[in-house]
């Protein structure tokens, strides 16, 4: 997961993830306080409903990269205050 937060995120979004948390049981929470795809529309709350569309793209990138590494996962994302967002990654047992 450190690879996703440092190398992968830096390559795709030009910055590292701001915070990585885990429960040590296969669930990771990645927090980006200034998510690049949301910064352009973060001027008001009227765009909060459209934010999940942009997070779906990032979820697909993370899930796809983990899949290519042989790791099955389930991704969810949430936005409470723009442009910050949280991605939850649940690693599935094989």
PDB file of N, CA and C in Angstrom:
ATOM      1  N   UNK A   1       0.823  -1.191   0.000  1.00  0.00           N
ATOM      2  CA  UNK A   1       0.000   0.000   0.000  1.00  0.00           C
ATOM      3  C   UNK A   1       0.871   1.260   0.000  1.00  0.00           C
ATOM      4  N   UNK A   2       2.062   1.155   0.566  1.00  0.00           N
ATOM      5  CA  UNK A   2       2.963   2.308   0.535  1.00  0.00           C
ATOM      6  C   UNK A   2       3.333   2.667  -0.902  1.00  0.00           C
ATOM      7  N   UNK A   3       3.444   1.657  -1.764  1.00  0.00           N
ATOM      8  CA  UNK A   3       3.723   1.913  -3.176  1.00  0.00           C
ATOM      9  C   UNK A   3       2.622   2.774  -3.795  1.00  0.00           C
ATOM     10  N   UNK A   4       1.356   2.452  -3.482  1.00  0.00           N
ATOM     11  CA  UNK A   4       0.223   3.219  -4.012  1.00  0.00           C
ATOM     12  C   UNK A   4       0.291   4.660  -3.501  1.00  0.00           C
ATOM     13  N   UNK A   5       0.553   4.827  -2.217  1.00  0.00           N
ATOM     14  CA  UNK A   5       0.528   6.158  -1.601  1.00  0.00           C
ATOM     15  C   UNK A   5       1.687   7.046  -2.022  1.00  0.00           C
ATOM     16  N   UNK A   6       2.827   6.464  -2.274  1.00  0.00           N
ATOM     17  CA  UNK A   6       3.999   7.276  -2.605  1.00  0.00           C
ATOM     18  C   UNK A   6       4.258   7.301  -4.106  1.00  0.00           C
ATOM     19  N   UNK A   7       4.696   6.200  -4.646  1.00  0.00           N
ATOM     20  CA  UNK A   7       5.137   6.165  -6.042  1.00  0.00           C
ATOM     21  C   UNK A   7       3.991   6.319  -7.030  1.00  0.00           C
ATOM     22  N   UNK A   8       2.961   5.495  -6.887  1.00  0.00           N
ATOM     23  CA  UNK A   8       1.839   5.511  -7.833  1.00  0.00           C
ATOM     24  C   UNK A   8       1.111   6.853  -7.802  1.00  0.00           C
ATOM     25  N   UNK A   9       0.752   7.318  -6.615  1.00  0.00           N
ATOM     26  CA  UNK A   9      -0.007   8.570  -6.487  1.00  0.00           C
ATOM     27  C   UNK A   9       0.809   9.747  -6.999  1.00  0.00           C
ATOM     28  N   UNK A  10       2.102   9.740  -6.741  1.00  0.00           N
ATOM     29  CA  UNK A  10       2.970  10.815  -7.220  1.00  0.00           C
ATOM     30  C   UNK A  10       3.038  10.824  -8.742  1.00  0.00           C
ATOM     31  N   UNK A  11       3.106   9.661  -9.342  1.00  0.00           N
ATOM     32  CA  UNK A  11       3.171   9.570 -10.798  1.00  0.00           C
ATOM     33  C   UNK A  11       1.879  10.052 -11.443  1.00  0.00           C
ATOM     34  N   UNK A  12       0.741   9.670 -10.884  1.00  0.00           N
ATOM     35  CA  UNK A  12      -0.551   9.994 -11.485  1.00  0.00           C
ATOM     36  C   UNK A  12      -1.030  11.400 -11.117  1.00  0.00           C
ATOM     37  N   UNK A  13      -0.917  11.776  -9.844  1.00  0.00           N
ATOM     38  CA  UNK A  13      -1.512  13.030  -9.372  1.00  0.00           C
ATOM     39  C   UNK A  13      -0.491  14.077  -8.920  1.00  0.00           C
ATOM     40  N   UNK A  14       0.801  13.808  -9.123  1.00  0.00           N
ATOM     41  CA  UNK A  14       1.875  14.766  -8.844  1.00  0.00           C
ATOM     42  C   UNK A  14       2.022  15.135  -7.373  1.00  0.00           C
ATOM     43  N   UNK A  15       1.563  14.279  -6.463  1.00  0.00           N
ATOM     44  CA  UNK A  15       1.750  14.471  -5.028  1.00  0.00           C
ATOM     45  C   UNK A  15       1.503  13.146  -4.321  1.00  0.00           C
ATOM     46  N   UNK A  16       1.993  13.030  -3.097  1.00  0.00           N
ATOM     47  CA  UNK A  16       1.760  11.826  -2.318  1.00  0.00           C
ATOM     48  C   UNK A  16       0.420  11.926  -1.586  1.00  0.00           C
ATOM     49  N   UNK A  17      -0.090  10.784  -1.179  1.00  0.00           N
ATOM     50  CA  UNK A  17      -1.280  10.755  -0.325  1.00  0.00           C
ATOM     51  C   UNK A  17      -0.929  11.459   0.979  1.00  0.00           C
ATOM     52  N   UNK A  18      -1.861  12.214   1.535  1.00  0.00           N
ATOM     53  CA  UNK A  18      -1.587  12.961   2.759  1.00  0.00           C
ATOM     54  C   UNK A  18      -1.601  12.091   4.010  1.00  0.00           C
ATOM     55  N   UNK A  19      -2.414  11.034   4.022  1.00  0.00           N
ATOM     56  CA  UNK A  19      -2.521  10.208   5.221  1.00  0.00           C
ATOM     57  C   UNK A  19      -2.908   8.785   4.830  1.00  0.00           C
ATOM     58  N   UNK A  20      -2.266   7.813   5.459  1.00  0.00           N
ATOM     59  CA  UNK A  20      -2.584   6.401   5.273  1.00  0.00           C
ATOM     60  C   UNK A  20      -2.834   5.795   6.638  1.00  0.00           C
ATOM     61  N   UNK A  21      -3.995   5.170   6.789  1.00  0.00           N
ATOM     62  CA  UNK A  21      -4.344   4.500   8.037  1.00  0.00           C
ATOM     63  C   UNK A  21      -4.725   3.063   7.730  1.00  0.00           C
ATOM     64  N   UNK A  22      -4.525   2.182   8.699  1.00  0.00           N
ATOM     65  CA  UNK A  22      -4.909   0.788   8.537  1.00  0.00           C
ATOM     66  C   UNK A  22      -5.409   0.242   9.865  1.00  0.00           C
ATOM     67  N   UNK A  23      -6.242  -0.805   9.769  1.00  0.00           N
ATOM     68  CA  UNK A  23      -6.681  -1.489  10.979  1.00  0.00           C
ATOM     69  C   UNK A  23      -5.905  -2.795  11.148  1.00  0.00           C
ATOM     70  N   UNK A  24      -4.906  -3.029  10.311  1.00  0.00           N
ATOM     71  CA  UNK A  24      -4.056  -4.218  10.317  1.00  0.00           C
ATOM     72  C   UNK A  24      -4.836  -5.499  10.066  1.00  0.00           C
ATOM     73  N   UNK A  25      -6.017  -5.387   9.475  1.00  0.00           N
ATOM     74  CA  UNK A  25      -6.824  -6.550   9.128  1.00  0.00           C
ATOM     75  C   UNK A  25      -7.271  -6.475   7.678  1.00  0.00           C
ATOM     76  N   UNK A  26      -6.530  -5.757   6.852  1.00  0.00           N
ATOM     77  CA  UNK A  26      -6.822  -5.700   5.430  1.00  0.00           C
ATOM     78  C   UNK A  26      -7.625  -4.503   4.971  1.00  0.00           C
ATOM     79  N   UNK A  27      -7.851  -3.529   5.844  1.00  0.00           N
ATOM     80  CA  UNK A  27      -8.576  -2.315   5.445  1.00  0.00           C
ATOM     81  C   UNK A  27      -7.638  -1.120   5.597  1.00  0.00           C
ATOM     82  N   UNK A  28      -7.537  -0.351   4.507  1.00  0.00           N
ATOM     83  CA  UNK A  28      -6.679   0.827   4.474  1.00  0.00           C
ATOM     84  C   UNK A  28      -7.521   2.036   4.098  1.00  0.00           C
ATOM     85  N   UNK A  29      -7.225   3.167   4.710  1.00  0.00           N
ATOM     86  CA  UNK A  29      -7.891   4.428   4.387  1.00  0.00           C
ATOM     87  C   UNK A  29      -6.822   5.396   3.904  1.00  0.00           C
ATOM     88  N   UNK A  30      -6.982   5.849   2.664  1.00  0.00           N
ATOM     89  CA  UNK A  30      -6.059   6.800   2.052  1.00  0.00           C
ATOM     90  C   UNK A  30      -6.762   8.148   2.000  1.00  0.00           C
ATOM     91  N   UNK A  31      -6.138   9.181   2.542  1.00  0.00           N
ATOM     92  CA  UNK A  31      -6.753  10.504   2.564  1.00  0.00           C
ATOM     93  C   UNK A  31      -5.912  11.479   1.759  1.00  0.00           C
ATOM     94  N   UNK A  32      -6.580  12.174   0.860  1.00  0.00           N
ATOM     95  CA  UNK A  32      -5.955  13.220   0.063  1.00  0.00           C
ATOM     96  C   UNK A  32      -6.668  14.523   0.394  1.00  0.00           C
ATOM     97  N   UNK A  33      -5.970  15.444   1.015  1.00  0.00           N
ATOM     98  CA  UNK A  33      -6.586  16.700   1.470  1.00  0.00           C
ATOM     99  C   UNK A  33      -6.818  17.709   0.356  1.00  0.00           C
ATOM    100  N   UNK A  34      -6.161  17.498  -0.783  1.00  0.00           N
ATOM    101  CA  UNK A  34      -6.344  18.411  -1.918  1.00  0.00           C
ATOM    102  C   UNK A  34      -6.301  17.583  -3.196  1.00  0.00           C
ATOM    103  N   UNK A  35      -7.348  16.795  -3.408  1.00  0.00           N
ATOM    104  CA  UNK A  35      -7.403  15.876  -4.536  1.00  0.00           C
ATOM    105  C   UNK A  35      -7.480  16.667  -5.832  1.00  0.00           C
ATOM    106  N   UNK A  36      -6.543  16.405  -6.708  1.00  0.00           N
ATOM    107  CA  UNK A  36      -6.359  17.220  -7.916  1.00  0.00           C
ATOM    108  C   UNK A  36      -7.601  17.279  -8.803  1.00  0.00           C
ATOM    109  N   UNK A  37      -8.342  16.186  -8.921  1.00  0.00           N
ATOM    110  CA  UNK A  37      -9.515  16.189  -9.798  1.00  0.00           C
ATOM    111  C   UNK A  37     -10.697  16.953  -9.206  1.00  0.00           C
ATOM    112  N   UNK A  38     -10.624  17.285  -7.913  1.00  0.00           N
ATOM    113  CA  UNK A  38     -11.713  18.036  -7.276  1.00  0.00           C
ATOM    114  C   UNK A  38     -11.383  19.507  -7.042  1.00  0.00           C
ATOM    115  N   UNK A  39     -10.136  19.896  -7.197  1.00  0.00           N
ATOM    116  CA  UNK A  39      -9.759  21.273  -6.858  1.00  0.00           C
ATOM    117  C   UNK A  39     -10.408  22.308  -7.774  1.00  0.00           C
ATOM    118  N   UNK A  40     -10.628  21.975  -9.033  1.00  0.00           N
ATOM    119  CA  UNK A  40     -11.229  22.934  -9.960  1.00  0.00           C
ATOM    120  C   UNK A  40     -12.687  23.236  -9.629  1.00  0.00           C
ATOM    121  N   UNK A  41     -13.381  22.276  -9.034  1.00  0.00           N
ATOM    122  CA  UNK A  41     -14.799  22.514  -8.742  1.00  0.00           C
ATOM    123  C   UNK A  41     -15.076  22.634  -7.249  1.00  0.00           C
ATOM    124  N   UNK A  42     -14.064  22.939  -6.478  1.00  0.00           N
ATOM    125  CA  UNK A  42     -14.253  22.986  -5.036  1.00  0.00           C
ATOM    126  C   UNK A  42     -14.701  24.348  -4.527  1.00  0.00           C
ATOM    127  N   UNK A  43     -15.112  25.215  -5.410  1.00  0.00           N
ATOM    128  CA  UNK A  43     -15.472  26.567  -4.991  1.00  0.00           C
ATOM    129  C   UNK A  43     -16.807  26.643  -4.256  1.00  0.00           C
ATOM    130  N   UNK A  44     -17.640  25.645  -4.384  1.00  0.00           N
ATOM    131  CA  UNK A  44     -18.931  25.692  -3.696  1.00  0.00           C
ATOM    132  C   UNK A  44     -19.483  24.324  -3.408  1.00  0.00           C
ATOM    133  N   UNK A  45     -20.503  24.289  -2.563  1.00  0.00           N
ATOM    134  CA  UNK A  45     -21.104  23.017  -2.179  1.00  0.00           C
ATOM    135  C   UNK A  45     -22.017  22.444  -3.256  1.00  0.00           C
ATOM    136  N   UNK A  46     -22.367  23.235  -4.256  1.00  0.00           N
ATOM    137  CA  UNK A  46     -23.273  22.766  -5.289  1.00  0.00           C
ATOM    138  C   UNK A  46     -22.672  21.631  -6.106  1.00  0.00           C
ATOM    139  N   UNK A  47     -21.338  21.498  -6.091  1.00  0.00           N
ATOM    140  CA  UNK A  47     -20.672  20.453  -6.864  1.00  0.00           C
ATOM    141  C   UNK A  47     -20.409  19.187  -6.054  1.00  0.00           C
ATOM    142  N   UNK A  48     -20.765  19.185  -4.784  1.00  0.00           N
ATOM    143  CA  UNK A  48     -20.518  18.028  -3.924  1.00  0.00           C
ATOM    144  C   UNK A  48     -21.220  16.776  -4.439  1.00  0.00           C
ATOM    145  N   UNK A  49     -22.366  16.935  -5.083  1.00  0.00           N
ATOM    146  CA  UNK A  49     -23.094  15.787  -5.636  1.00  0.00           C
ATOM    147  C   UNK A  49     -22.385  15.168  -6.831  1.00  0.00           C
ATOM    148  N   UNK A  50     -21.584  15.943  -7.539  1.00  0.00           N
ATOM    149  CA  UNK A  50     -20.890  15.453  -8.724  1.00  0.00           C
ATOM    150  C   UNK A  50     -19.517  14.852  -8.405  1.00  0.00           C
ATOM    151  N   UNK A  51     -19.032  15.054  -7.203  1.00  0.00           N
ATOM    152  CA  UNK A  51     -17.693  14.592  -6.823  1.00  0.00           C
ATOM    153  C   UNK A  51     -17.506  13.075  -6.954  1.00  0.00           C
ATOM    154  N   UNK A  52     -18.484  12.242  -6.606  1.00  0.00           N
ATOM    155  CA  UNK A  52     -18.266  10.790  -6.727  1.00  0.00           C
ATOM    156  C   UNK A  52     -17.921  10.321  -8.144  1.00  0.00           C
ATOM    157  N   UNK A  53     -18.364  11.031  -9.164  1.00  0.00           N
ATOM    158  CA  UNK A  53     -18.020  10.665 -10.539  1.00  0.00           C
ATOM    159  C   UNK A  53     -16.513  10.733 -10.762  1.00  0.00           C
ATOM    160  N   UNK A  54     -15.874  11.732 -10.183  1.00  0.00           N
ATOM    161  CA  UNK A  54     -14.437  11.906 -10.343  1.00  0.00           C
ATOM    162  C   UNK A  54     -13.654  10.941  -9.456  1.00  0.00           C
ATOM    163  N   UNK A  55     -14.236  10.572  -8.332  1.00  0.00           N
ATOM    164  CA  UNK A  55     -13.578   9.614  -7.453  1.00  0.00           C
ATOM    165  C   UNK A  55     -13.645   8.207  -8.015  1.00  0.00           C
ATOM    166  N   UNK A  56     -14.659   7.908  -8.811  1.00  0.00           N
ATOM    167  CA  UNK A  56     -14.776   6.586  -9.426  1.00  0.00           C
ATOM    168  C   UNK A  56     -13.583   6.304 -10.332  1.00  0.00           C
ATOM    169  N   UNK A  57     -13.103   7.305 -11.020  1.00  0.00           N
ATOM    170  CA  UNK A  57     -11.930   7.152 -11.878  1.00  0.00           C
ATOM    171  C   UNK A  57     -10.710   6.761 -11.052  1.00  0.00           C
ATOM    172  N   UNK A  58     -10.480   7.479  -9.953  1.00  0.00           N
ATOM    173  CA  UNK A  58      -9.328   7.179  -9.096  1.00  0.00           C
ATOM    174  C   UNK A  58      -9.472   5.804  -8.448  1.00  0.00           C
ATOM    175  N   UNK A  59     -10.676   5.434  -8.052  1.00  0.00           N
ATOM    176  CA  UNK A  59     -10.913   4.100  -7.487  1.00  0.00           C
ATOM    177  C   UNK A  59     -10.542   3.016  -8.498  1.00  0.00           C
ATOM    178  N   UNK A  60     -10.911   3.218  -9.735  1.00  0.00           N
ATOM    179  CA  UNK A  60     -10.582   2.262 -10.785  1.00  0.00           C
ATOM    180  C   UNK A  60      -9.084   2.152 -11.013  1.00  0.00           C
ATOM    181  N   UNK A  61      -8.390   3.282 -10.944  1.00  0.00           N
ATOM    182  CA  UNK A  61      -6.932   3.263 -11.090  1.00  0.00           C
ATOM    183  C   UNK A  61      -6.269   2.474  -9.965  1.00  0.00           C
ATOM    184  N   UNK A  62      -6.698   2.714  -8.738  1.00  0.00           N
ATOM    185  CA  UNK A  62      -6.106   2.016  -7.594  1.00  0.00           C
ATOM    186  C   UNK A  62      -6.433   0.528  -7.650  1.00  0.00           C
ATOM    187  N   UNK A  63      -7.690   0.214  -7.874  1.00  0.00           N
ATOM    188  CA  UNK A  63      -8.103  -1.191  -7.912  1.00  0.00           C
ATOM    189  C   UNK A  63      -7.401  -1.936  -9.048  1.00  0.00           C
ATOM    190  N   UNK A  64      -7.284  -1.303 -10.195  1.00  0.00           N
ATOM    191  CA  UNK A  64      -6.604  -1.917 -11.330  1.00  0.00           C
ATOM    192  C   UNK A  64      -5.127  -2.140 -11.077  1.00  0.00           C
ATOM    193  N   UNK A  65      -4.476  -1.187 -10.446  1.00  0.00           N
ATOM    194  CA  UNK A  65      -3.051  -1.355 -10.163  1.00  0.00           C
ATOM    195  C   UNK A  65      -2.826  -2.456  -9.131  1.00  0.00           C
ATOM    196  N   UNK A  66      -3.682  -2.518  -8.117  1.00  0.00           N
ATOM    197  CA  UNK A  66      -3.571  -3.600  -7.140  1.00  0.00           C
ATOM    198  C   UNK A  66      -3.849  -4.948  -7.786  1.00  0.00           C
ATOM    199  N   UNK A  67      -4.813  -4.997  -8.687  1.00  0.00           N
ATOM    200  CA  UNK A  67      -5.138  -6.234  -9.387  1.00  0.00           C
ATOM    201  C   UNK A  67      -3.951  -6.724 -10.220  1.00  0.00           C
ATOM    202  N   UNK A  68      -3.264  -5.803 -10.875  1.00  0.00           N
ATOM    203  CA  UNK A  68      -2.084  -6.169 -11.658  1.00  0.00           C
ATOM    204  C   UNK A  68      -0.947  -6.670 -10.777  1.00  0.00           C
ATOM    205  N   UNK A  69      -0.963  -6.288  -9.507  1.00  0.00           N
ATOM    206  CA  UNK A  69       0.023  -6.799  -8.556  1.00  0.00           C
ATOM    207  C   UNK A  69      -0.440  -8.103  -7.913  1.00  0.00           C
ATOM    208  N   UNK A  70      -1.634  -8.589  -8.310  1.00  0.00           N
ATOM    209  CA  UNK A  70      -2.158  -9.846  -7.777  1.00  0.00           C
ATOM    210  C   UNK A  70      -2.937  -9.693  -6.489  1.00  0.00           C
ATOM    211  N   UNK A  71      -3.409  -8.481  -6.207  1.00  0.00           N
ATOM    212  CA  UNK A  71      -4.144  -8.209  -4.972  1.00  0.00           C
ATOM    213  C   UNK A  71      -5.582  -7.848  -5.326  1.00  0.00           C
ATOM    214  N   UNK A  72      -6.538  -8.674  -4.878  1.00  0.00           N
ATOM    215  CA  UNK A  72      -7.955  -8.368  -5.097  1.00  0.00           C
ATOM    216  C   UNK A  72      -8.417  -7.406  -4.010  1.00  0.00           C
ATOM    217  N   UNK A  73      -9.205  -6.406  -4.406  1.00  0.00           N
ATOM    218  CA  UNK A  73      -9.638  -5.404  -3.442  1.00  0.00           C
ATOM    219  C   UNK A  73     -11.019  -4.869  -3.785  1.00  0.00           C
ATOM    220  N   UNK A  74     -11.625  -4.242  -2.796  1.00  0.00           N
ATOM    221  CA  UNK A  74     -12.885  -3.519  -2.959  1.00  0.00           C
ATOM    222  C   UNK A  74     -12.604  -2.075  -2.563  1.00  0.00           C
ATOM    223  N   UNK A  75     -13.037  -1.145  -3.406  1.00  0.00           N
ATOM    224  CA  UNK A  75     -12.760   0.273  -3.196  1.00  0.00           C
ATOM    225  C   UNK A  75     -14.043   1.045  -2.931  1.00  0.00           C
ATOM    226  N   UNK A  76     -13.978   1.966  -1.993  1.00  0.00           N
ATOM    227  CA  UNK A  76     -15.041   2.951  -1.806  1.00  0.00           C
ATOM    228  C   UNK A  76     -14.366   4.316  -1.621  1.00  0.00           C
ATOM    229  N   UNK A  77     -15.110   5.359  -1.907  1.00  0.00           N
ATOM    230  CA  UNK A  77     -14.570   6.710  -1.765  1.00  0.00           C
ATOM    231  C   UNK A  77     -15.661   7.626  -1.235  1.00  0.00           C
ATOM    232  N   UNK A  78     -15.239   8.648  -0.530  1.00  0.00           N
ATOM    233  CA  UNK A  78     -16.204   9.616   0.002  1.00  0.00           C
ATOM    234  C   UNK A  78     -15.602  11.008   0.035  1.00  0.00           C
ATOM    235  N   UNK A  79     -16.481  11.977  -0.100  1.00  0.00           N
ATOM    236  CA  UNK A  79     -16.100  13.387  -0.016  1.00  0.00           C
ATOM    237  C   UNK A  79     -17.058  14.042   0.965  1.00  0.00           C
ATOM    238  N   UNK A  80     -16.507  14.653   1.999  1.00  0.00           N
ATOM    239  CA  UNK A  80     -17.359  15.390   2.927  1.00  0.00           C
ATOM    240  C   UNK A  80     -17.136  16.889   2.771  1.00  0.00           C
ATOM    241  N   UNK A  81     -15.890  17.290   2.563  1.00  0.00           N
ATOM    242  CA  UNK A  81     -15.539  18.689   2.324  1.00  0.00           C
ATOM    243  C   UNK A  81     -14.595  18.725   1.134  1.00  0.00           C
ATOM    244  N   UNK A  82     -14.966  19.466   0.108  1.00  0.00           N
ATOM    245  CA  UNK A  82     -14.137  19.520  -1.088  1.00  0.00           C
ATOM    246  C   UNK A  82     -12.941  20.422  -0.859  1.00  0.00           C
ATOM    247  N   UNK A  83     -11.791  20.157  -1.394  1.00  0.00           N
ATOM    248  CA  UNK A  83     -11.413  19.087  -2.305  1.00  0.00           C
ATOM    249  C   UNK A  83     -10.821  17.861  -1.611  1.00  0.00           C
ATOM    250  N   UNK A  84     -11.027  17.709  -0.310  1.00  0.00           N
ATOM    251  CA  UNK A  84     -10.508  16.549   0.408  1.00  0.00           C
ATOM    252  C   UNK A  84     -11.379  15.324   0.147  1.00  0.00           C
ATOM    253  N   UNK A  85     -10.753  14.157   0.120  1.00  0.00           N
ATOM    254  CA  UNK A  85     -11.497  12.920  -0.070  1.00  0.00           C
ATOM    255  C   UNK A  85     -10.773  11.772   0.612  1.00  0.00           C
ATOM    256  N   UNK A  86     -11.524  10.704   0.859  1.00  0.00           N
ATOM    257  CA  UNK A  86     -10.973   9.501   1.486  1.00  0.00           C
ATOM    258  C   UNK A  86     -11.312   8.306   0.604  1.00  0.00           C
ATOM    259  N   UNK A  87     -10.324   7.431   0.441  1.00  0.00           N
ATOM    260  CA  UNK A  87     -10.506   6.192  -0.281  1.00  0.00           C
ATOM    261  C   UNK A  87     -10.317   5.054   0.714  1.00  0.00           C
ATOM    262  N   UNK A  88     -11.263   4.129   0.726  1.00  0.00           N
ATOM    263  CA  UNK A  88     -11.136   2.960   1.595  1.00  0.00           C
ATOM    264  C   UNK A  88     -10.857   1.742   0.710  1.00  0.00           C
ATOM    265  N   UNK A  89      -9.793   1.043   1.031  1.00  0.00           N
ATOM    266  CA  UNK A  89      -9.382  -0.133   0.279  1.00  0.00           C
ATOM    267  C   UNK A  89      -9.507  -1.340   1.201  1.00  0.00           C
ATOM    268  N   UNK A  90     -10.332  -2.302   0.801  1.00  0.00           N
ATOM    269  CA  UNK A  90     -10.471  -3.533   1.567  1.00  0.00           C
ATOM    270  C   UNK A  90      -9.848  -4.658   0.750  1.00  0.00           C
ATOM    271  N   UNK A  91      -8.775  -5.227   1.276  1.00  0.00           N
ATOM    272  CA  UNK A  91      -8.072  -6.320   0.613  1.00  0.00           C
ATOM    273  C   UNK A  91      -8.856  -7.600   0.849  1.00  0.00           C
ATOM    274  N   UNK A  92      -9.153  -8.307  -0.251  1.00  0.00           N
ATOM    275  CA  UNK A  92      -9.916  -9.553  -0.149  1.00  0.00           C
ATOM    276  C   UNK A  92      -8.963 -10.733  -0.020  1.00  0.00           C
ATOM    277  N   UNK A  93      -9.348 -11.676   0.814  1.00  0.00           N
ATOM    278  CA  UNK A  93      -8.578 -12.908   0.961  1.00  0.00           C
ATOM    279  C   UNK A  93      -8.784 -13.772  -0.259  1.00  0.00           C
ATOM    280  N   UNK A  94      -7.747 -14.452  -0.674  1.00  0.00           N
ATOM    281  CA  UNK A  94      -7.852 -15.305  -1.859  1.00  0.00           C
ATOM    282  C   UNK A  94      -8.104 -16.734  -1.494  1.00  0.00           C
TER     283      UNK A  94
END
